Structures are given as structure tokens and as C-alpha cells.
Amino acid sequence: MLRSSSNGKKTSKTVAFVSLLIISILFLLPVIWGVVGSFRSSEDFFNHPESFFPSSWDAFTFDGYAELFSKTEFVSSRANEWYPIWNWLVNSLIVSVGGTLIYLLIASLAAYAFVFLEFKWANRIFYFLICTMTIPGIVSTTPQLINMNLLGAYKSLAGLIIPSFGGVYGVFLIRQFFLSIPKDLIENARMDGAGNLRIFLKIVLPLGKSALFVQGLFGFMGAWNDVQWAQLIVGSAPRSTWTLAYGLKVISDQCEAYESITLALASAVIAMIPIFIVYLVTQSKIIEGVANTGIKR
């Protein structure tokens, strides 16, 4: 009886492993194809569209990356165009890192207030904020544009950073993690004379760093990959003000069929690398944060 139960568990684990492996391969295949394709020549794509890898060593090329980082035109119909890739990269880092850090500070302070401070209608206010998550983002686009124009942030990087300060999901996620922190620990600190700021900085933030890593990754990815809002804010600004995601979209839109597919794939790979690096650095904390969020001790 015990042996059959053990065999059943092994079979379940094997089935689960195989299923997850198949799903992972299906998700990774387009990414692998894009990375490999970025090193294929456009002629090889045209002559061998069925091939996954370069058909020969001669078809292996770095031309897509070389063209991407050169001060030359990308499409013959738009001569004398210069696309400052390095400026875009710096702009994207400023928007993504700066906006994420400020948002984490605001969201963690709000979460601390909802969990550890007692004030009138705290739960009602929190539930109201949760309800606002059901409002489509497109509804607030026009008011946000008006606000950025009034603040003088239109056509500038500030217009990309300021709207990221007010996200509700981060408050919800961090609050759920803060609920797992024992209230006795906070009360003991207050009895020892610690104020809210000291408790927040010395106790709550170190214990809640896993949740901050999770929300930080989400915020960084959202800001880094944002194209629509960047197009609205800096699309008509000088090219040096563009972000990497929007700039590479412009380049990809100019690529016609097989003529410049290598350039388009190289653009996608360049945009993907920072996200990949951030995830590798923070993956252990992210897994810990996802596993512990919402667990009350």
C-alpha cells in the first residue's frame, strides 16, 4: 500500500515536471528564435525562412547590432537619420530606476500606514483604492496628459516618471506582506521609544525587502517596456529624449519584411537584456517574496 502511494507521488511529480518543461519550452522558443535570428543575415531569412539557425557560417553576422549602434540611416527613405541608442538607454534607466525607487518608497509608506497605524476609515480607504484597480488605464490617459502639461512635464522624462508614483497594486502587494510581520514586534519597539520612522526604516523595511523586490521588478519592467505612454509624452520631442523601448519601436516599424528583419530582432534583444539581468540578480528574493506574500504568522 505504501509502495503504491510512493509510486503515485513519483508519477505525479514526473507528470508535473514534464508538463512544466513543455510549457517552458513553448514560452522560450520565440525568445530563442529571436536571439538566434538577430545573428542571421537578412538574405538568409529570405532564402531559408524555414531554418531555425543560420544556414551557413557565412549567414552568421553581427550586422544588425553594428547597424543599430551606428550613426547611420536605417531605412533608405529616411536619409541622414541619427538614432542615439546610448541616450535612449540612459533615459530608460533614469525613468525605470528612478520611478521604481520613488514608487516603492511611496507604496511602502502607504502600506505601513494601513497595517501599523490606526486611523479612521482605514479599511474603507484601502478597499476604495482596490476598487480603483478595476478602472482601465486608458480612461486616465487624457487627464494624465493634461496634468503633465500643467506641470510642465510634457515632452520630458519627468512626464514619464511622475505618473508612476500612484500605483495601487504595489500598495496592495506590500501591505499583504507587512501583515505577516508580528504586531508584537512593532509594539515592543514603540515601548522602547522608537518612532514610526525608525520602526519603518529599521524593522519593517528589512523584513519586507522580499515584497519590495517583487514589486520593484514589476515596476521596473512596466516602466522599461512602456511604449504607449512614452509615445504620447516624448514622441514629438527631440530624439535624444526618447526611451529605448519607444526608439526601438520606431526602428522596428521602419523595417520592411525581410529587408531589415535582423535589425528588428537585434532591437528586441537589446531591449530584453536589462530585464533579464535584473531578474537574474533578484530572482531568489522574488521567489521568496511571492511565496511569503499574504501569509500571516
C-alpha atoms as a PDB file:
ATOM      1  CA  MET A   1       0.000   0.000   0.000  1.00  0.00           C
ATOM      2  CA  LEU A   2       2.830   2.381   0.940  1.00  0.00           C
ATOM      3  CA  ARG A   3       4.728   1.402  -2.195  1.00  0.00           C
ATOM      4  CA  SER A   4       1.743   2.190  -4.456  1.00  0.00           C
ATOM      5  CA  SER A   5       1.309   5.560  -2.730  1.00  0.00           C
ATOM      6  CA  SER A   6       5.002   6.321  -3.214  1.00  0.00           C
ATOM      7  CA  ASN A   7       4.824   5.306  -6.872  1.00  0.00           C
ATOM      8  CA  GLY A   8       1.774   7.535  -7.329  1.00  0.00           C
ATOM      9  CA  LYS A   9       3.626  10.542  -5.910  1.00  0.00           C
ATOM     10  CA  LYS A  10       6.613   9.889  -8.177  1.00  0.00           C
ATOM     11  CA  THR A  11       4.320   9.634 -11.191  1.00  0.00           C
ATOM     12  CA  SER A  12       2.591  12.900 -10.269  1.00  0.00           C
ATOM     13  CA  LYS A  13       5.921  14.666  -9.882  1.00  0.00           C
ATOM     14  CA  THR A  14       7.117  13.290 -13.213  1.00  0.00           C
ATOM     15  CA  VAL A  15       3.953  14.411 -14.988  1.00  0.00           C
ATOM     16  CA  ALA A  16       4.191  17.841 -13.389  1.00  0.00           C
ATOM     17  CA  PHE A  17       7.861  18.161 -14.358  1.00  0.00           C
ATOM     18  CA  VAL A  18       7.245  17.123 -17.960  1.00  0.00           C
ATOM     19  CA  SER A  19       4.249  19.467 -18.243  1.00  0.00           C
ATOM     20  CA  LEU A  20       6.217  22.433 -16.864  1.00  0.00           C
ATOM     21  CA  LEU A  21       9.151  21.578 -19.146  1.00  0.00           C
ATOM     22  CA  ILE A  22       6.904  21.586 -22.227  1.00  0.00           C
ATOM     23  CA  ILE A  23       5.282  24.877 -21.208  1.00  0.00           C
ATOM     24  CA  SER A  24       8.709  26.431 -20.544  1.00  0.00           C
ATOM     25  CA  ILE A  25       9.979  25.347 -23.965  1.00  0.00           C
ATOM     26  CA  LEU A  26       6.895  26.794 -25.660  1.00  0.00           C
ATOM     27  CA  PHE A  27       7.466  30.112 -23.900  1.00  0.00           C
ATOM     28  CA  LEU A  28      11.219  30.139 -24.569  1.00  0.00           C
ATOM     29  CA  LEU A  29      11.140  29.128 -28.242  1.00  0.00           C
ATOM     30  CA  PRO A  30      10.150  32.596 -29.550  1.00  0.00           C
ATOM     31  CA  VAL A  31      12.819  34.194 -27.362  1.00  0.00           C
ATOM     32  CA  ILE A  32      15.499  31.762 -28.545  1.00  0.00           C
ATOM     33  CA  TRP A  33      14.382  32.216 -32.154  1.00  0.00           C
ATOM     34  CA  GLY A  34      14.642  35.988 -31.770  1.00  0.00           C
ATOM     35  CA  VAL A  35      18.126  35.854 -30.225  1.00  0.00           C
ATOM     36  CA  VAL A  36      19.423  33.419 -32.845  1.00  0.00           C
ATOM     37  CA  GLY A  37      17.704  35.317 -35.638  1.00  0.00           C
ATOM     38  CA  SER A  38      19.404  38.555 -34.618  1.00  0.00           C
ATOM     39  CA  PHE A  39      22.681  36.986 -35.774  1.00  0.00           C
ATOM     40  CA  ARG A  40      21.322  35.863 -39.168  1.00  0.00           C
ATOM     41  CA  SER A  41      21.653  37.951 -42.284  1.00  0.00           C
ATOM     42  CA  SER A  42      18.517  39.312 -43.928  1.00  0.00           C
ATOM     43  CA  GLU A  43      19.384  37.372 -47.104  1.00  0.00           C
ATOM     44  CA  ASP A  44      19.477  34.133 -45.117  1.00  0.00           C
ATOM     45  CA  PHE A  45      15.991  34.853 -43.758  1.00  0.00           C
ATOM     46  CA  PHE A  46      14.740  35.437 -47.286  1.00  0.00           C
ATOM     47  CA  ASN A  47      16.415  32.382 -48.829  1.00  0.00           C
ATOM     48  CA  HIS A  48      15.845  29.963 -45.917  1.00  0.00           C
ATOM     49  CA  PRO A  49      12.738  31.100 -43.981  1.00  0.00           C
ATOM     50  CA  GLU A  50      12.182  27.564 -42.660  1.00  0.00           C
ATOM     51  CA  SER A  51      15.586  27.403 -40.957  1.00  0.00           C
ATOM     52  CA  PHE A  52      15.835  27.999 -37.197  1.00  0.00           C
ATOM     53  CA  PHE A  53      19.610  28.562 -37.231  1.00  0.00           C
ATOM     54  CA  PRO A  54      21.817  30.289 -39.814  1.00  0.00           C
ATOM     55  CA  SER A  55      22.054  28.049 -42.871  1.00  0.00           C
ATOM     56  CA  SER A  56      25.853  28.505 -43.033  1.00  0.00           C
ATOM     57  CA  TRP A  57      28.706  30.274 -41.288  1.00  0.00           C
ATOM     58  CA  ASP A  58      28.549  32.985 -43.935  1.00  0.00           C
ATOM     59  CA  ALA A  59      24.972  33.734 -42.848  1.00  0.00           C
ATOM     60  CA  PHE A  60      26.143  34.375 -39.265  1.00  0.00           C
ATOM     61  CA  THR A  61      26.571  38.131 -38.832  1.00  0.00           C
ATOM     62  CA  PHE A  62      26.683  40.978 -36.321  1.00  0.00           C
ATOM     63  CA  ASP A  63      25.414  43.473 -38.890  1.00  0.00           C
ATOM     64  CA  GLY A  64      22.123  44.037 -37.055  1.00  0.00           C
ATOM     65  CA  TYR A  65      23.892  45.155 -33.871  1.00  0.00           C
ATOM     66  CA  ALA A  66      26.545  47.107 -35.777  1.00  0.00           C
ATOM     67  CA  GLU A  67      23.873  48.994 -37.715  1.00  0.00           C
ATOM     68  CA  LEU A  68      21.830  49.565 -34.576  1.00  0.00           C
ATOM     69  CA  PHE A  69      24.676  51.338 -32.789  1.00  0.00           C
ATOM     70  CA  SER A  70      25.968  53.275 -35.770  1.00  0.00           C
ATOM     71  CA  LYS A  71      25.080  56.877 -36.615  1.00  0.00           C
ATOM     72  CA  THR A  72      23.607  55.999 -39.969  1.00  0.00           C
ATOM     73  CA  GLU A  73      20.219  55.832 -41.586  1.00  0.00           C
ATOM     74  CA  PHE A  74      18.187  52.668 -41.013  1.00  0.00           C
ATOM     75  CA  VAL A  75      15.834  52.938 -43.982  1.00  0.00           C
ATOM     76  CA  SER A  76      16.823  54.478 -47.292  1.00  0.00           C
ATOM     77  CA  SER A  77      13.627  56.536 -47.467  1.00  0.00           C
ATOM     78  CA  ARG A  78      14.679  58.415 -44.321  1.00  0.00           C
ATOM     79  CA  ALA A  79      18.177  59.603 -45.142  1.00  0.00           C
ATOM     80  CA  ASN A  80      20.563  61.280 -42.732  1.00  0.00           C
ATOM     81  CA  GLU A  81      18.680  59.960 -39.690  1.00  0.00           C
ATOM     82  CA  TRP A  82      20.604  59.514 -36.426  1.00  0.00           C
ATOM     83  CA  TYR A  83      19.225  57.383 -33.620  1.00  0.00           C
ATOM     84  CA  PRO A  84      21.165  57.900 -30.345  1.00  0.00           C
ATOM     85  CA  ILE A  85      20.819  54.426 -28.824  1.00  0.00           C
ATOM     86  CA  TRP A  86      23.016  55.212 -25.828  1.00  0.00           C
ATOM     87  CA  ASN A  87      20.920  58.268 -24.969  1.00  0.00           C
ATOM     88  CA  TRP A  88      17.802  56.109 -25.098  1.00  0.00           C
ATOM     89  CA  LEU A  89      19.420  53.540 -22.831  1.00  0.00           C
ATOM     90  CA  VAL A  90      20.340  56.176 -20.239  1.00  0.00           C
ATOM     91  CA  ASN A  91      16.867  57.728 -20.449  1.00  0.00           C
ATOM     92  CA  SER A  92      15.206  54.353 -19.912  1.00  0.00           C
ATOM     93  CA  LEU A  93      17.427  53.643 -16.901  1.00  0.00           C
ATOM     94  CA  ILE A  94      16.594  57.041 -15.389  1.00  0.00           C
ATOM     95  CA  VAL A  95      12.861  56.544 -15.903  1.00  0.00           C
ATOM     96  CA  SER A  96      12.773  52.891 -14.819  1.00  0.00           C
ATOM     97  CA  VAL A  97      15.123  53.014 -11.836  1.00  0.00           C
ATOM     98  CA  GLY A  98      14.134  56.471 -10.612  1.00  0.00           C
ATOM     99  CA  GLY A  99      10.401  55.908 -10.982  1.00  0.00           C
ATOM    100  CA  THR A 100      10.574  52.462  -9.386  1.00  0.00           C
ATOM    101  CA  LEU A 101      12.553  53.618  -6.338  1.00  0.00           C
ATOM    102  CA  ILE A 102      10.249  56.573  -5.650  1.00  0.00           C
ATOM    103  CA  TYR A 103       7.178  54.421  -6.181  1.00  0.00           C
ATOM    104  CA  LEU A 104       8.467  51.765  -3.768  1.00  0.00           C
ATOM    105  CA  LEU A 105       9.038  54.431  -1.123  1.00  0.00           C
ATOM    106  CA  ILE A 106       5.524  55.844  -1.526  1.00  0.00           C
ATOM    107  CA  ALA A 107       3.850  52.416  -1.701  1.00  0.00           C
ATOM    108  CA  SER A 108       5.730  51.039   1.312  1.00  0.00           C
ATOM    109  CA  LEU A 109       4.875  54.120   3.398  1.00  0.00           C
ATOM    110  CA  ALA A 110       1.200  53.758   2.457  1.00  0.00           C
ATOM    111  CA  ALA A 111       1.270  50.037   3.251  1.00  0.00           C
ATOM    112  CA  TYR A 112       2.895  50.745   6.627  1.00  0.00           C
ATOM    113  CA  ALA A 113       0.133  53.240   7.445  1.00  0.00           C
ATOM    114  CA  PHE A 114      -2.631  50.776   6.533  1.00  0.00           C
ATOM    115  CA  VAL A 115      -1.101  47.944   8.600  1.00  0.00           C
ATOM    116  CA  PHE A 116       0.537  49.533  11.641  1.00  0.00           C
ATOM    117  CA  LEU A 117      -1.268  52.847  12.138  1.00  0.00           C
ATOM    118  CA  GLU A 118      -4.784  53.121  13.443  1.00  0.00           C
ATOM    119  CA  PHE A 119      -6.841  55.860  11.840  1.00  0.00           C
ATOM    120  CA  LYS A 120     -10.490  56.363  10.982  1.00  0.00           C
ATOM    121  CA  TRP A 121     -11.841  54.604   7.880  1.00  0.00           C
ATOM    122  CA  ALA A 122      -8.518  52.916   7.133  1.00  0.00           C
ATOM    123  CA  ASN A 123     -10.147  49.769   5.759  1.00  0.00           C
ATOM    124  CA  ARG A 124     -12.703  51.733   3.736  1.00  0.00           C
ATOM    125  CA  ILE A 125      -9.989  53.841   2.148  1.00  0.00           C
ATOM    126  CA  PHE A 126      -7.957  50.743   1.322  1.00  0.00           C
ATOM    127  CA  TYR A 127     -10.947  48.953  -0.227  1.00  0.00           C
ATOM    128  CA  PHE A 128     -11.734  52.076  -2.237  1.00  0.00           C
ATOM    129  CA  LEU A 129      -8.172  52.053  -3.585  1.00  0.00           C
ATOM    130  CA  ILE A 130      -8.539  48.388  -4.516  1.00  0.00           C
ATOM    131  CA  CYS A 131     -11.732  49.221  -6.424  1.00  0.00           C
ATOM    132  CA  THR A 132      -9.832  51.792  -8.490  1.00  0.00           C
ATOM    133  CA  MET A 133      -7.737  48.931  -9.904  1.00  0.00           C
ATOM    134  CA  THR A 134     -10.767  47.908 -11.978  1.00  0.00           C
ATOM    135  CA  ILE A 135     -10.674  51.203 -13.911  1.00  0.00           C
ATOM    136  CA  PRO A 136      -8.956  50.727 -17.314  1.00  0.00           C
ATOM    137  CA  GLY A 137      -5.752  52.710 -17.667  1.00  0.00           C
ATOM    138  CA  ILE A 138      -6.918  54.224 -20.955  1.00  0.00           C
ATOM    139  CA  VAL A 139      -9.594  56.166 -19.035  1.00  0.00           C
ATOM    140  CA  SER A 140      -6.957  58.204 -17.189  1.00  0.00           C
ATOM    141  CA  THR A 141      -4.754  58.840 -20.231  1.00  0.00           C
ATOM    142  CA  THR A 142      -6.253  62.197 -21.216  1.00  0.00           C
ATOM    143  CA  PRO A 143      -6.373  63.573 -17.637  1.00  0.00           C
ATOM    144  CA  GLN A 144      -2.772  62.477 -17.151  1.00  0.00           C
ATOM    145  CA  LEU A 145      -1.706  64.258 -20.317  1.00  0.00           C
ATOM    146  CA  ILE A 146      -3.429  67.428 -19.128  1.00  0.00           C
ATOM    147  CA  ASN A 147      -1.742  67.132 -15.729  1.00  0.00           C
ATOM    148  CA  MET A 148       1.702  66.641 -17.278  1.00  0.00           C
ATOM    149  CA  ASN A 149       1.141  69.690 -19.470  1.00  0.00           C
ATOM    150  CA  LEU A 150       0.094  71.809 -16.472  1.00  0.00           C
ATOM    151  CA  LEU A 151       3.128  70.616 -14.507  1.00  0.00           C
ATOM    152  CA  GLY A 152       5.440  71.478 -17.395  1.00  0.00           C
ATOM    153  CA  ALA A 153       6.500  67.832 -17.683  1.00  0.00           C
ATOM    154  CA  TYR A 154       5.256  67.301 -21.236  1.00  0.00           C
ATOM    155  CA  LYS A 155       7.998  66.277 -23.704  1.00  0.00           C
ATOM    156  CA  SER A 156      10.376  65.497 -20.836  1.00  0.00           C
ATOM    157  CA  LEU A 157      11.470  62.460 -18.817  1.00  0.00           C
ATOM    158  CA  ALA A 158       9.649  63.877 -15.786  1.00  0.00           C
ATOM    159  CA  GLY A 159       6.394  63.233 -17.624  1.00  0.00           C
ATOM    160  CA  LEU A 160       7.304  59.542 -17.768  1.00  0.00           C
ATOM    161  CA  ILE A 161       8.274  59.291 -14.093  1.00  0.00           C
ATOM    162  CA  ILE A 162       5.579  61.285 -12.276  1.00  0.00           C
ATOM    163  CA  PRO A 163       2.541  59.119 -13.263  1.00  0.00           C
ATOM    164  CA  SER A 164       4.259  56.032 -11.831  1.00  0.00           C
ATOM    165  CA  PHE A 165       4.054  57.416  -8.290  1.00  0.00           C
ATOM    166  CA  GLY A 166       0.406  56.498  -7.749  1.00  0.00           C
ATOM    167  CA  GLY A 167       0.073  52.781  -8.454  1.00  0.00           C
ATOM    168  CA  VAL A 168      -2.313  50.865  -6.190  1.00  0.00           C
ATOM    169  CA  TYR A 169      -1.155  47.320  -6.890  1.00  0.00           C
ATOM    170  CA  GLY A 170       2.176  47.895  -5.175  1.00  0.00           C
ATOM    171  CA  VAL A 171       0.424  49.191  -2.051  1.00  0.00           C
ATOM    172  CA  PHE A 172      -1.752  46.059  -2.017  1.00  0.00           C
ATOM    173  CA  LEU A 173       1.161  43.652  -2.532  1.00  0.00           C
ATOM    174  CA  ILE A 174       3.418  45.253   0.073  1.00  0.00           C
ATOM    175  CA  ARG A 175       0.551  45.582   2.561  1.00  0.00           C
ATOM    176  CA  GLN A 176      -0.172  41.870   2.276  1.00  0.00           C
ATOM    177  CA  PHE A 177       3.439  41.114   3.115  1.00  0.00           C
ATOM    178  CA  PHE A 178       3.535  43.586   6.006  1.00  0.00           C
ATOM    179  CA  LEU A 179       0.560  41.749   7.520  1.00  0.00           C
ATOM    180  CA  SER A 180       2.890  38.813   8.117  1.00  0.00           C
ATOM    181  CA  ILE A 181       5.106  40.907  10.415  1.00  0.00           C
ATOM    182  CA  PRO A 182       4.177  40.224  14.075  1.00  0.00           C
ATOM    183  CA  LYS A 183       2.404  43.189  15.631  1.00  0.00           C
ATOM    184  CA  ASP A 184       4.102  42.381  18.958  1.00  0.00           C
ATOM    185  CA  LEU A 185       7.450  43.232  17.393  1.00  0.00           C
ATOM    186  CA  ILE A 186       6.197  46.694  16.458  1.00  0.00           C
ATOM    187  CA  GLU A 187       4.591  47.265  19.866  1.00  0.00           C
ATOM    188  CA  ASN A 188       7.805  46.272  21.660  1.00  0.00           C
ATOM    189  CA  ALA A 189       9.751  48.746  19.536  1.00  0.00           C
ATOM    190  CA  ARG A 190       7.286  51.504  20.421  1.00  0.00           C
ATOM    191  CA  MET A 191       7.585  50.665  24.116  1.00  0.00           C
ATOM    192  CA  ASP A 192      11.350  51.101  23.755  1.00  0.00           C
ATOM    193  CA  GLY A 193      10.766  54.612  22.457  1.00  0.00           C
ATOM    194  CA  ALA A 194      11.075  54.035  18.718  1.00  0.00           C
ATOM    195  CA  GLY A 195       9.011  56.322  16.484  1.00  0.00           C
ATOM    196  CA  ASN A 196       7.194  55.338  13.326  1.00  0.00           C
ATOM    197  CA  LEU A 197      10.001  56.455  11.041  1.00  0.00           C
ATOM    198  CA  ARG A 198      12.595  54.437  12.922  1.00  0.00           C
ATOM    199  CA  ILE A 199      10.322  51.372  13.043  1.00  0.00           C
ATOM    200  CA  PHE A 200       9.689  51.703   9.326  1.00  0.00           C
ATOM    201  CA  LEU A 201      13.369  52.031   8.409  1.00  0.00           C
ATOM    202  CA  LYS A 202      14.937  49.659  10.938  1.00  0.00           C
ATOM    203  CA  ILE A 203      12.318  46.892  11.278  1.00  0.00           C
ATOM    204  CA  VAL A 204       9.597  46.884   8.635  1.00  0.00           C
ATOM    205  CA  LEU A 205      11.655  47.584   5.520  1.00  0.00           C
ATOM    206  CA  PRO A 206      14.354  44.947   6.262  1.00  0.00           C
ATOM    207  CA  LEU A 207      11.679  42.336   6.980  1.00  0.00           C
ATOM    208  CA  GLY A 208       9.661  43.325   3.892  1.00  0.00           C
ATOM    209  CA  LYS A 209      12.519  43.523   1.399  1.00  0.00           C
ATOM    210  CA  SER A 210      11.295  40.404  -0.455  1.00  0.00           C
ATOM    211  CA  ALA A 211       7.987  42.092  -1.271  1.00  0.00           C
ATOM    212  CA  LEU A 212       9.865  45.230  -2.307  1.00  0.00           C
ATOM    213  CA  PHE A 213      11.999  43.187  -4.698  1.00  0.00           C
ATOM    214  CA  VAL A 214       8.887  41.646  -6.268  1.00  0.00           C
ATOM    215  CA  GLN A 215       7.105  44.948  -6.739  1.00  0.00           C
ATOM    216  CA  GLY A 216      10.353  46.586  -7.788  1.00  0.00           C
ATOM    217  CA  LEU A 217      10.761  44.095 -10.620  1.00  0.00           C
ATOM    218  CA  PHE A 218       7.160  44.618 -11.728  1.00  0.00           C
ATOM    219  CA  GLY A 219       7.593  48.390 -11.646  1.00  0.00           C
ATOM    220  CA  PHE A 220      10.930  48.273 -13.479  1.00  0.00           C
ATOM    221  CA  MET A 221       9.543  46.003 -16.199  1.00  0.00           C
ATOM    222  CA  GLY A 222       6.467  48.156 -16.664  1.00  0.00           C
ATOM    223  CA  ALA A 223       8.490  51.367 -16.987  1.00  0.00           C
ATOM    224  CA  TRP A 224      11.177  49.800 -19.170  1.00  0.00           C
ATOM    225  CA  ASN A 225       8.745  48.247 -21.657  1.00  0.00           C
ATOM    226  CA  ASP A 226       6.261  51.125 -21.748  1.00  0.00           C
ATOM    227  CA  VAL A 227       5.779  52.329 -25.308  1.00  0.00           C
ATOM    228  CA  GLN A 228       2.315  53.894 -25.416  1.00  0.00           C
ATOM    229  CA  TRP A 229       2.853  56.488 -22.694  1.00  0.00           C
ATOM    230  CA  ALA A 230       6.368  57.253 -23.932  1.00  0.00           C
ATOM    231  CA  GLN A 231       4.988  57.880 -27.410  1.00  0.00           C
ATOM    232  CA  LEU A 232       2.411  60.312 -26.022  1.00  0.00           C
ATOM    233  CA  ILE A 233       4.853  62.213 -23.799  1.00  0.00           C
ATOM    234  CA  VAL A 234       8.161  62.268 -25.720  1.00  0.00           C
ATOM    235  CA  GLY A 235       7.106  61.068 -29.182  1.00  0.00           C
ATOM    236  CA  SER A 236       7.167  64.621 -30.544  1.00  0.00           C
ATOM    237  CA  ALA A 237      10.235  65.623 -28.505  1.00  0.00           C
ATOM    238  CA  PRO A 238      13.823  65.538 -29.848  1.00  0.00           C
ATOM    239  CA  ARG A 239      15.149  62.016 -30.434  1.00  0.00           C
ATOM    240  CA  SER A 240      17.634  62.379 -27.588  1.00  0.00           C
ATOM    241  CA  THR A 241      14.660  62.456 -25.170  1.00  0.00           C
ATOM    242  CA  TRP A 242      13.164  59.153 -26.329  1.00  0.00           C
ATOM    243  CA  THR A 243      13.308  55.986 -24.243  1.00  0.00           C
ATOM    244  CA  LEU A 244      14.844  52.777 -25.533  1.00  0.00           C
ATOM    245  CA  ALA A 245      11.521  50.941 -25.873  1.00  0.00           C
ATOM    246  CA  TYR A 246       9.924  53.708 -27.918  1.00  0.00           C
ATOM    247  CA  GLY A 247      13.035  54.357 -30.008  1.00  0.00           C
ATOM    248  CA  LEU A 248      13.436  50.688 -30.889  1.00  0.00           C
ATOM    249  CA  LYS A 249       9.751  50.538 -31.791  1.00  0.00           C
ATOM    250  CA  VAL A 250      10.290  53.367 -34.270  1.00  0.00           C
ATOM    251  CA  ILE A 251      13.215  51.481 -35.782  1.00  0.00           C
ATOM    252  CA  SER A 252      11.254  48.221 -35.947  1.00  0.00           C
ATOM    253  CA  ASP A 253       8.317  49.986 -37.625  1.00  0.00           C
ATOM    254  CA  GLN A 254      10.668  51.112 -40.371  1.00  0.00           C
ATOM    255  CA  CYS A 255      11.893  47.581 -41.046  1.00  0.00           C
ATOM    256  CA  GLU A 256      10.158  46.197 -44.121  1.00  0.00           C
ATOM    257  CA  ALA A 257       9.654  42.413 -44.330  1.00  0.00           C
ATOM    258  CA  TYR A 258      12.944  40.517 -44.723  1.00  0.00           C
ATOM    259  CA  GLU A 259      14.874  43.618 -45.740  1.00  0.00           C
ATOM    260  CA  SER A 260      15.744  44.632 -42.166  1.00  0.00           C
ATOM    261  CA  ILE A 261      14.425  41.781 -40.005  1.00  0.00           C
ATOM    262  CA  THR A 262      17.875  41.283 -38.483  1.00  0.00           C
ATOM    263  CA  LEU A 263      17.839  44.884 -37.292  1.00  0.00           C
ATOM    264  CA  ALA A 264      14.374  44.483 -35.791  1.00  0.00           C
ATOM    265  CA  LEU A 265      15.391  41.326 -33.897  1.00  0.00           C
ATOM    266  CA  ALA A 266      18.602  42.959 -32.669  1.00  0.00           C
ATOM    267  CA  SER A 267      16.478  45.821 -31.337  1.00  0.00           C
ATOM    268  CA  ALA A 268      14.251  43.380 -29.449  1.00  0.00           C
ATOM    269  CA  VAL A 269      17.249  41.582 -27.930  1.00  0.00           C
ATOM    270  CA  ILE A 270      18.837  44.842 -26.759  1.00  0.00           C
ATOM    271  CA  ALA A 271      15.578  45.859 -25.067  1.00  0.00           C
ATOM    272  CA  MET A 272      15.304  42.457 -23.373  1.00  0.00           C
ATOM    273  CA  ILE A 273      18.814  42.260 -21.878  1.00  0.00           C
ATOM    274  CA  PRO A 274      18.350  44.688 -18.905  1.00  0.00           C
ATOM    275  CA  ILE A 275      15.167  42.907 -17.785  1.00  0.00           C
ATOM    276  CA  PHE A 276      16.988  39.578 -17.952  1.00  0.00           C
ATOM    277  CA  ILE A 277      19.904  40.917 -15.883  1.00  0.00           C
ATOM    278  CA  VAL A 278      17.604  42.422 -13.240  1.00  0.00           C
ATOM    279  CA  TYR A 279      15.728  39.137 -12.900  1.00  0.00           C
ATOM    280  CA  LEU A 280      18.934  37.088 -12.548  1.00  0.00           C
ATOM    281  CA  VAL A 281      20.158  39.385  -9.773  1.00  0.00           C
ATOM    282  CA  THR A 282      16.887  39.404  -7.825  1.00  0.00           C
ATOM    283  CA  GLN A 283      15.344  36.006  -8.604  1.00  0.00           C
ATOM    284  CA  SER A 284      15.910  34.477  -5.157  1.00  0.00           C
ATOM    285  CA  LYS A 285      14.267  37.428  -3.408  1.00  0.00           C
ATOM    286  CA  ILE A 286      11.431  37.448  -5.925  1.00  0.00           C
ATOM    287  CA  ILE A 287      10.635  33.772  -5.345  1.00  0.00           C
ATOM    288  CA  GLU A 288      10.773  34.314  -1.585  1.00  0.00           C
ATOM    289  CA  GLY A 289       8.516  37.344  -1.826  1.00  0.00           C
ATOM    290  CA  VAL A 290       5.905  35.590  -3.977  1.00  0.00           C
ATOM    291  CA  ALA A 291       5.927  32.573  -1.646  1.00  0.00           C
ATOM    292  CA  ASN A 292       5.502  34.635   1.520  1.00  0.00           C
ATOM    293  CA  THR A 293       3.150  37.402   0.360  1.00  0.00           C
ATOM    294  CA  GLY A 294      -0.209  37.112   2.077  1.00  0.00           C
ATOM    295  CA  ILE A 295       0.939  34.576   4.702  1.00  0.00           C
ATOM    296  CA  LYS A 296       0.039  35.666   8.207  1.00  0.00           C
ATOM    297  CA  ARG A 297       2.118  34.446  11.128  1.00  0.00           C
END
